[in-house]
Amino acid sequence: MKIAGKVAVVTGGCSGIGQAVVRMLVDKGSRVAILDLNESAASALLAELGQAALFIKTNVADEGSVVAAVAKCMAAFGAIHVCVNCAGIGSAHKTFGKDGPFPLAEWNKTVAVNLSGTFNVARLCAEQMAKNTPEDPYGGRGVIVNTASVAAFDGQIGQAAYSASKAGVVGMTLPMARDLSSIGVRVNTIAPGLIETPLLGSLSAEVLDALAKSVLYPKRLGQPREIAHLAMCLIENDYINGECIRIDGGIRMPPR
């Protein structure tokens, strides 16, 4: 799918990977609806991007919030061709540890945002994509790119909820691609490794250096723009469908 002239929805687009995706889409000629909760970060981003971007305060885990956001995007831009789901949260609790069993509320919140939130946005964007005029002889109408994590495969100690939520995103990739094939919508998933985002921002320089050295090659943290570049490739290459692609420098995460 050609990106120029298209309309994209990006969740978590005010920071990290999501922001890099937004910038790259705009650079390639797309208009972007940014679904996020961070209003202060949105103000600075919109001042830079101008009329090409629209911020809609959205809780991806809330059905009504996403229904309203999609309606605002349609009213402003008239269509949705691309959906890139980057919104996500982390959690760190052992299944059972010195503080007791994993707090169920934390489990539910992590799964609600990372897994249910991804599906919630994808399904509602797909509904709008079905209305698009096909842009090729094969009926292509849209592209969905979801974000998982290498934790879906190599979950570490304390990552039960996070890993389960991301494994769910991986697991629904092929069924969603099959479900949406009849309307010409492709679905793929990116599984990033250790990326230099706000999620890692609280770690010390020493810890970040150790993490970088654990990468097979190159021995550094990944950059959000590298994940965004892969997202662009998945949008533009019409023959990639139903796939989950790791982008992690070859790392395989140890238990801790």
Foldseek 3Di string as FASTA:
>chain_A
DQLAPAEEEEEPLLWFLNVLLCVVSVVSHAAYEYEYQDPVSVVVSCVVSPPSYHYQDAQLLDLVRLVVSVVVSCVSRVAHAEYEYDDADAWFDACQDPVGGDPVVVLVVRLSRLAVSLVSNVVVNLVRQLPAQAPDPQQARHEYEYEAALCLVQPAGRGPSNNVSRVNVLVCFQVVQVVSVVNRYFGEYEHEYFEPIVNCVVDDPVVQQVCLCQQPPPSHHHYSNVVSVVVVVRGPDSPDGSYYYYDYNRGRDDRD
